[in-house]
Every structure is written in structure tokens, then in C-alpha cells.
């Protein structure tokens, strides 16, 4: 809460706030979560390694989840 107060202690117009700066200041990072059906843990690890070079994990979190389809 203190960081929030500190950030907005400077007068700012809501329309002109640099939201990327705000998120960095308050250490808020977006999370992208993907659920992939029928993928093994090994395949998830391989996929993570393939996409890792395309994003900055200091400003964005990517969560990969494997799911199994239940059959009746």
C-alpha cells in the first residue's frame, strides 16, 4: 500500500499515467496462463524452453499447465 501511496503522491492525470512505469514501480507483473490438454511434463518443459527467449520473464510471467481429458 505504501508504494501505491508513494506513486500517487505526485499529482498525475489518470489519462496520462504511464501504466508500464506504474507496474514496474509497484512490482506488478502480468501472468499469462495456458492450459494444454494431453501434454506431458517433459513436453511442457520443452515448450517453456522454446518460448523462453521470446519474452522477458522479469516483466511477464507465463504459466503452462498440462491437463488430461477425463473420459466417461
PDB file of N, CA and C in Angstrom:
ATOM      1  N   UNK A   1       0.816  -1.193   0.000  1.00  0.00           N
ATOM      2  CA  UNK A   1       0.000   0.000   0.000  1.00  0.00           C
ATOM      3  C   UNK A   1       0.861   1.259   0.000  1.00  0.00           C
ATOM      4  N   UNK A   2       2.011   1.173   0.681  1.00  0.00           N
ATOM      5  CA  UNK A   2       2.898   2.336   0.751  1.00  0.00           C
ATOM      6  C   UNK A   2       3.414   2.730  -0.631  1.00  0.00           C
ATOM      7  N   UNK A   3       3.764   1.736  -1.453  1.00  0.00           N
ATOM      8  CA  UNK A   3       4.252   2.047  -2.795  1.00  0.00           C
ATOM      9  C   UNK A   3       3.165   2.731  -3.610  1.00  0.00           C
ATOM     10  N   UNK A   4       1.932   2.267  -3.448  1.00  0.00           N
ATOM     11  CA  UNK A   4       0.801   2.866  -4.150  1.00  0.00           C
ATOM     12  C   UNK A   4       0.660   4.329  -3.755  1.00  0.00           C
ATOM     13  N   UNK A   5       0.695   4.605  -2.459  1.00  0.00           N
ATOM     14  CA  UNK A   5       0.587   5.983  -1.959  1.00  0.00           C
ATOM     15  C   UNK A   5       1.748   6.827  -2.465  1.00  0.00           C
ATOM     16  N   UNK A   6       2.948   6.254  -2.427  1.00  0.00           N
ATOM     17  CA  UNK A   6       4.129   6.992  -2.871  1.00  0.00           C
ATOM     18  C   UNK A   6       4.018   7.356  -4.351  1.00  0.00           C
ATOM     19  N   UNK A   7       3.571   6.413  -5.167  1.00  0.00           N
ATOM     20  CA  UNK A   7       3.446   6.662  -6.604  1.00  0.00           C
ATOM     21  C   UNK A   7       2.450   7.774  -6.884  1.00  0.00           C
ATOM     22  N   UNK A   8       1.313   7.744  -6.207  1.00  0.00           N
ATOM     23  CA  UNK A   8       0.271   8.728  -6.475  1.00  0.00           C
ATOM     24  C   UNK A   8       0.381   9.972  -5.599  1.00  0.00           C
ATOM     25  N   UNK A   9       1.448  10.093  -4.809  1.00  0.00           N
ATOM     26  CA  UNK A   9       1.648  11.321  -4.034  1.00  0.00           C
ATOM     27  C   UNK A   9       2.033  12.470  -4.963  1.00  0.00           C
ATOM     28  N   UNK A  10       2.529  12.126  -6.150  1.00  0.00           N
ATOM     29  CA  UNK A  10       2.808  13.125  -7.178  1.00  0.00           C
ATOM     30  C   UNK A  10       1.527  13.281  -7.987  1.00  0.00           C
ATOM     31  N   UNK A  11       1.113  14.518  -8.199  1.00  0.00           N
ATOM     32  CA  UNK A  11      -0.137  14.740  -8.935  1.00  0.00           C
ATOM     33  C   UNK A  11       0.000  14.231 -10.362  1.00  0.00           C
ATOM     34  N   UNK A  12      -0.956  13.428 -10.781  1.00  0.00           N
ATOM     35  CA  UNK A  12      -0.952  12.845 -12.126  1.00  0.00           C
ATOM     36  C   UNK A  12      -2.372  12.854 -12.673  1.00  0.00           C
ATOM     37  N   UNK A  13      -2.447  12.998 -13.992  1.00  0.00           N
ATOM     38  CA  UNK A  13      -3.745  12.881 -14.653  1.00  0.00           C
ATOM     39  C   UNK A  13      -3.920  11.412 -15.032  1.00  0.00           C
ATOM     40  N   UNK A  14      -5.040  10.843 -14.657  1.00  0.00           N
ATOM     41  CA  UNK A  14      -5.292   9.425 -14.885  1.00  0.00           C
ATOM     42  C   UNK A  14      -5.078   9.039 -16.353  1.00  0.00           C
ATOM     43  N   UNK A  15      -5.480   9.911 -17.270  1.00  0.00           N
ATOM     44  CA  UNK A  15      -5.378   9.606 -18.696  1.00  0.00           C
ATOM     45  C   UNK A  15      -3.937   9.548 -19.182  1.00  0.00           C
ATOM     46  N   UNK A  16      -3.012  10.182 -18.457  1.00  0.00           N
ATOM     47  CA  UNK A  16      -1.632  10.261 -18.937  1.00  0.00           C
ATOM     48  C   UNK A  16      -0.656   9.436 -18.104  1.00  0.00           C
ATOM     49  N   UNK A  17      -1.157   8.599 -17.228  1.00  0.00           N
ATOM     50  CA  UNK A  17      -0.274   7.761 -16.411  1.00  0.00           C
ATOM     51  C   UNK A  17       0.420   6.741 -17.311  1.00  0.00           C
ATOM     52  N   UNK A  18       1.706   6.611 -17.131  1.00  0.00           N
ATOM     53  CA  UNK A  18       2.473   5.589 -17.840  1.00  0.00           C
ATOM     54  C   UNK A  18       2.275   4.286 -17.064  1.00  0.00           C
ATOM     55  N   UNK A  19       1.358   3.440 -17.539  1.00  0.00           N
ATOM     56  CA  UNK A  19       0.982   2.246 -16.788  1.00  0.00           C
ATOM     57  C   UNK A  19       2.124   1.246 -16.699  1.00  0.00           C
ATOM     58  N   UNK A  20       2.994   1.224 -17.710  1.00  0.00           N
ATOM     59  CA  UNK A  20       4.159   0.332 -17.634  1.00  0.00           C
ATOM     60  C   UNK A  20       5.078   0.773 -16.494  1.00  0.00           C
ATOM     61  N   UNK A  21       5.307   2.072 -16.381  1.00  0.00           N
ATOM     62  CA  UNK A  21       6.109   2.610 -15.279  1.00  0.00           C
ATOM     63  C   UNK A  21       5.441   2.304 -13.941  1.00  0.00           C
ATOM     64  N   UNK A  22       4.126   2.489 -13.870  1.00  0.00           N
ATOM     65  CA  UNK A  22       3.373   2.224 -12.647  1.00  0.00           C
ATOM     66  C   UNK A  22       3.519   0.761 -12.220  1.00  0.00           C
ATOM     67  N   UNK A  23       3.397  -0.142 -13.195  1.00  0.00           N
ATOM     68  CA  UNK A  23       3.502  -1.567 -12.888  1.00  0.00           C
ATOM     69  C   UNK A  23       4.906  -1.920 -12.388  1.00  0.00           C
ATOM     70  N   UNK A  24       5.938  -1.351 -13.008  1.00  0.00           N
ATOM     71  CA  UNK A  24       7.308  -1.612 -12.558  1.00  0.00           C
ATOM     72  C   UNK A  24       7.524  -1.048 -11.160  1.00  0.00           C
ATOM     73  N   UNK A  25       7.023   0.160 -10.923  1.00  0.00           N
ATOM     74  CA  UNK A  25       7.189   0.818  -9.630  1.00  0.00           C
ATOM     75  C   UNK A  25       6.577  -0.017  -8.515  1.00  0.00           C
ATOM     76  N   UNK A  26       5.416  -0.587  -8.775  1.00  0.00           N
ATOM     77  CA  UNK A  26       4.684  -1.360  -7.771  1.00  0.00           C
ATOM     78  C   UNK A  26       4.944  -2.860  -7.862  1.00  0.00           C
ATOM     79  N   UNK A  27       5.874  -3.235  -8.735  1.00  0.00           N
ATOM     80  CA  UNK A  27       6.224  -4.641  -8.919  1.00  0.00           C
ATOM     81  C   UNK A  27       4.995  -5.506  -9.214  1.00  0.00           C
ATOM     82  N   UNK A  28       4.210  -5.048 -10.178  1.00  0.00           N
ATOM     83  CA  UNK A  28       3.025  -5.770 -10.643  1.00  0.00           C
ATOM     84  C   UNK A  28       3.369  -6.326 -12.020  1.00  0.00           C
ATOM     85  N   UNK A  29       3.205  -7.627 -12.190  1.00  0.00           N
ATOM     86  CA  UNK A  29       3.561  -8.249 -13.453  1.00  0.00           C
ATOM     87  C   UNK A  29       2.393  -9.080 -13.966  1.00  0.00           C
ATOM     88  N   UNK A  30       2.094  -8.966 -15.269  1.00  0.00           N
ATOM     89  CA  UNK A  30       1.003  -9.762 -15.828  1.00  0.00           C
ATOM     90  C   UNK A  30       1.366 -11.244 -15.872  1.00  0.00           C
ATOM     91  N   UNK A  31       0.344 -12.062 -15.804  1.00  0.00           N
ATOM     92  CA  UNK A  31       0.501 -13.513 -15.857  1.00  0.00           C
ATOM     93  C   UNK A  31      -0.344 -14.049 -17.007  1.00  0.00           C
ATOM     94  N   UNK A  32       0.300 -14.753 -17.919  1.00  0.00           N
ATOM     95  CA  UNK A  32      -0.418 -15.454 -18.979  1.00  0.00           C
ATOM     96  C   UNK A  32      -0.431 -16.924 -18.605  1.00  0.00           C
ATOM     97  N   UNK A  33      -1.611 -17.507 -18.572  1.00  0.00           N
ATOM     98  CA  UNK A  33      -1.739 -18.903 -18.160  1.00  0.00           C
ATOM     99  C   UNK A  33      -2.350 -19.699 -19.302  1.00  0.00           C
ATOM    100  N   UNK A  34      -1.673 -20.769 -19.685  1.00  0.00           N
ATOM    101  CA  UNK A  34      -2.140 -21.620 -20.770  1.00  0.00           C
ATOM    102  C   UNK A  34      -2.377 -23.028 -20.242  1.00  0.00           C
ATOM    103  N   UNK A  35      -3.555 -23.564 -20.497  1.00  0.00           N
ATOM    104  CA  UNK A  35      -3.863 -24.957 -20.170  1.00  0.00           C
ATOM    105  C   UNK A  35      -3.858 -25.737 -21.477  1.00  0.00           C
ATOM    106  N   UNK A  36      -2.988 -26.730 -21.543  1.00  0.00           N
ATOM    107  CA  UNK A  36      -2.833 -27.506 -22.762  1.00  0.00           C
ATOM    108  C   UNK A  36      -3.244 -28.942 -22.461  1.00  0.00           C
ATOM    109  N   UNK A  37      -4.236 -29.403 -23.201  1.00  0.00           N
ATOM    110  CA  UNK A  37      -4.781 -30.738 -22.944  1.00  0.00           C
ATOM    111  C   UNK A  37      -3.890 -31.825 -23.522  1.00  0.00           C
ATOM    112  N   UNK A  38      -3.649 -32.857 -22.718  1.00  0.00           N
ATOM    113  CA  UNK A  38      -2.944 -34.043 -23.196  1.00  0.00           C
ATOM    114  C   UNK A  38      -1.455 -33.854 -23.438  1.00  0.00           C
ATOM    115  N   UNK A  39      -0.790 -33.002 -22.679  1.00  0.00           N
ATOM    116  CA  UNK A  39       0.645 -32.771 -22.850  1.00  0.00           C
ATOM    117  C   UNK A  39       1.384 -33.290 -21.616  1.00  0.00           C
ATOM    118  N   UNK A  40       2.524 -33.887 -21.839  1.00  0.00           N
ATOM    119  CA  UNK A  40       3.292 -34.443 -20.719  1.00  0.00           C
ATOM    120  C   UNK A  40       4.154 -33.356 -20.066  1.00  0.00           C
ATOM    121  N   UNK A  41       4.677 -33.655 -18.881  1.00  0.00           N
ATOM    122  CA  UNK A  41       5.555 -32.707 -18.187  1.00  0.00           C
ATOM    123  C   UNK A  41       6.809 -32.433 -19.009  1.00  0.00           C
ATOM    124  N   UNK A  42       7.324 -33.459 -19.665  1.00  0.00           N
ATOM    125  CA  UNK A  42       8.519 -33.292 -20.494  1.00  0.00           C
ATOM    126  C   UNK A  42       8.227 -32.348 -21.661  1.00  0.00           C
ATOM    127  N   UNK A  43       7.064 -32.522 -22.296  1.00  0.00           N
ATOM    128  CA  UNK A  43       6.678 -31.652 -23.407  1.00  0.00           C
ATOM    129  C   UNK A  43       6.468 -30.219 -22.930  1.00  0.00           C
ATOM    130  N   UNK A  44       5.905 -30.051 -21.723  1.00  0.00           N
ATOM    131  CA  UNK A  44       5.742 -28.706 -21.165  1.00  0.00           C
ATOM    132  C   UNK A  44       7.097 -28.038 -20.954  1.00  0.00           C
ATOM    133  N   UNK A  45       8.059 -28.795 -20.429  1.00  0.00           N
ATOM    134  CA  UNK A  45       9.410 -28.251 -20.221  1.00  0.00           C
ATOM    135  C   UNK A  45      10.033 -27.833 -21.548  1.00  0.00           C
ATOM    136  N   UNK A  46       9.888 -28.676 -22.581  1.00  0.00           N
ATOM    137  CA  UNK A  46      10.418 -28.358 -23.910  1.00  0.00           C
ATOM    138  C   UNK A  46       9.762 -27.095 -24.458  1.00  0.00           C
ATOM    139  N   UNK A  47       8.449 -27.001 -24.316  1.00  0.00           N
ATOM    140  CA  UNK A  47       7.715 -25.836 -24.799  1.00  0.00           C
ATOM    141  C   UNK A  47       8.170 -24.570 -24.084  1.00  0.00           C
ATOM    142  N   UNK A  48       8.324 -24.641 -22.766  1.00  0.00           N
ATOM    143  CA  UNK A  48       8.796 -23.492 -21.995  1.00  0.00           C
ATOM    144  C   UNK A  48      10.164 -23.032 -22.503  1.00  0.00           C
ATOM    145  N   UNK A  49      11.067 -23.976 -22.738  1.00  0.00           N
ATOM    146  CA  UNK A  49      12.411 -23.627 -23.220  1.00  0.00           C
ATOM    147  C   UNK A  49      12.342 -22.961 -24.594  1.00  0.00           C
ATOM    148  N   UNK A  50      11.424 -23.430 -25.449  1.00  0.00           N
ATOM    149  CA  UNK A  50      11.296 -22.855 -26.789  1.00  0.00           C
ATOM    150  C   UNK A  50      10.794 -21.413 -26.745  1.00  0.00           C
ATOM    151  N   UNK A  51       9.840 -21.114 -25.848  1.00  0.00           N
ATOM    152  CA  UNK A  51       9.262 -19.763 -25.835  1.00  0.00           C
ATOM    153  C   UNK A  51      10.010 -18.802 -24.914  1.00  0.00           C
ATOM    154  N   UNK A  52      10.869 -19.325 -24.053  1.00  0.00           N
ATOM    155  CA  UNK A  52      11.553 -18.503 -23.052  1.00  0.00           C
ATOM    156  C   UNK A  52      12.328 -17.336 -23.668  1.00  0.00           C
ATOM    157  N   UNK A  53      12.953 -17.548 -24.805  1.00  0.00           N
ATOM    158  CA  UNK A  53      13.762 -16.494 -25.421  1.00  0.00           C
ATOM    159  C   UNK A  53      12.923 -15.370 -26.032  1.00  0.00           C
ATOM    160  N   UNK A  54      11.613 -15.567 -26.143  1.00  0.00           N
ATOM    161  CA  UNK A  54      10.760 -14.577 -26.786  1.00  0.00           C
ATOM    162  C   UNK A  54      10.091 -13.607 -25.821  1.00  0.00           C
ATOM    163  N   UNK A  55      10.282 -13.777 -24.518  1.00  0.00           N
ATOM    164  CA  UNK A  55       9.664 -12.861 -23.569  1.00  0.00           C
ATOM    165  C   UNK A  55      10.614 -12.565 -22.427  1.00  0.00           C
ATOM    166  N   UNK A  56      10.396 -11.441 -21.780  1.00  0.00           N
ATOM    167  CA  UNK A  56      11.217 -11.017 -20.655  1.00  0.00           C
ATOM    168  C   UNK A  56      10.530 -11.480 -19.377  1.00  0.00           C
ATOM    169  N   UNK A  57      11.077 -12.495 -18.724  1.00  0.00           N
ATOM    170  CA  UNK A  57      10.417 -13.051 -17.540  1.00  0.00           C
ATOM    171  C   UNK A  57      10.535 -12.157 -16.314  1.00  0.00           C
ATOM    172  N   UNK A  58      11.175 -10.997 -16.461  1.00  0.00           N
ATOM    173  CA  UNK A  58      11.207 -10.035 -15.362  1.00  0.00           C
ATOM    174  C   UNK A  58       9.979  -9.118 -15.401  1.00  0.00           C
ATOM    175  N   UNK A  59       9.285  -9.068 -16.555  1.00  0.00           N
ATOM    176  CA  UNK A  59       8.093  -8.215 -16.651  1.00  0.00           C
ATOM    177  C   UNK A  59       6.840  -8.991 -17.038  1.00  0.00           C
ATOM    178  N   UNK A  60       6.972 -10.284 -17.290  1.00  0.00           N
ATOM    179  CA  UNK A  60       5.824 -11.084 -17.704  1.00  0.00           C
ATOM    180  C   UNK A  60       6.027 -12.517 -17.232  1.00  0.00           C
ATOM    181  N   UNK A  61       5.001 -13.081 -16.629  1.00  0.00           N
ATOM    182  CA  UNK A  61       5.053 -14.477 -16.209  1.00  0.00           C
ATOM    183  C   UNK A  61       4.194 -15.302 -17.154  1.00  0.00           C
ATOM    184  N   UNK A  62       4.713 -16.436 -17.567  1.00  0.00           N
ATOM    185  CA  UNK A  62       3.940 -17.358 -18.392  1.00  0.00           C
ATOM    186  C   UNK A  62       3.846 -18.680 -17.639  1.00  0.00           C
ATOM    187  N   UNK A  63       2.626 -19.148 -17.447  1.00  0.00           N
ATOM    188  CA  UNK A  63       2.392 -20.398 -16.726  1.00  0.00           C
ATOM    189  C   UNK A  63       1.790 -21.404 -17.700  1.00  0.00           C
ATOM    190  N   UNK A  64       2.442 -22.548 -17.839  1.00  0.00           N
ATOM    191  CA  UNK A  64       1.960 -23.614 -18.709  1.00  0.00           C
ATOM    192  C   UNK A  64       1.449 -24.751 -17.838  1.00  0.00           C
ATOM    193  N   UNK A  65       0.240 -25.210 -18.130  1.00  0.00           N
ATOM    194  CA  UNK A  65      -0.388 -26.266 -17.339  1.00  0.00           C
ATOM    195  C   UNK A  65      -0.844 -27.371 -18.284  1.00  0.00           C
ATOM    196  N   UNK A  66      -0.482 -28.592 -17.950  1.00  0.00           N
ATOM    197  CA  UNK A  66      -0.959 -29.730 -18.721  1.00  0.00           C
ATOM    198  C   UNK A  66      -2.216 -30.290 -18.076  1.00  0.00           C
ATOM    199  N   UNK A  67      -3.206 -30.604 -18.883  1.00  0.00           N
ATOM    200  CA  UNK A  67      -4.438 -31.194 -18.355  1.00  0.00           C
ATOM    201  C   UNK A  67      -4.719 -32.499 -19.095  1.00  0.00           C
ATOM    202  N   UNK A  68      -5.403 -33.371 -18.439  1.00  0.00           N
ATOM    203  CA  UNK A  68      -5.824 -34.630 -19.047  1.00  0.00           C
ATOM    204  C   UNK A  68      -7.327 -34.609 -19.193  1.00  0.00           C
ATOM    205  N   UNK A  69      -7.795 -34.966 -20.379  1.00  0.00           N
ATOM    206  CA  UNK A  69      -9.230 -35.011 -20.625  1.00  0.00           C
ATOM    207  C   UNK A  69      -9.800 -36.251 -19.948  1.00  0.00           C
ATOM    208  N   UNK A  70     -10.830 -36.042 -19.155  1.00  0.00           N
ATOM    209  CA  UNK A  70     -11.492 -37.167 -18.487  1.00  0.00           C
ATOM    210  C   UNK A  70     -12.475 -37.814 -19.457  1.00  0.00           C
ATOM    211  N   UNK A  71     -12.440 -39.122 -19.530  1.00  0.00           N
ATOM    212  CA  UNK A  71     -13.379 -39.832 -20.393  1.00  0.00           C
ATOM    213  C   UNK A  71     -14.383 -40.568 -19.527  1.00  0.00           C
ATOM    214  N   UNK A  72     -15.572 -40.656 -20.027  1.00  0.00           N
ATOM    215  CA  UNK A  72     -16.637 -41.322 -19.268  1.00  0.00           C
ATOM    216  C   UNK A  72     -16.808 -42.748 -19.718  1.00  0.00           C
TER     217      UNK A  72
END
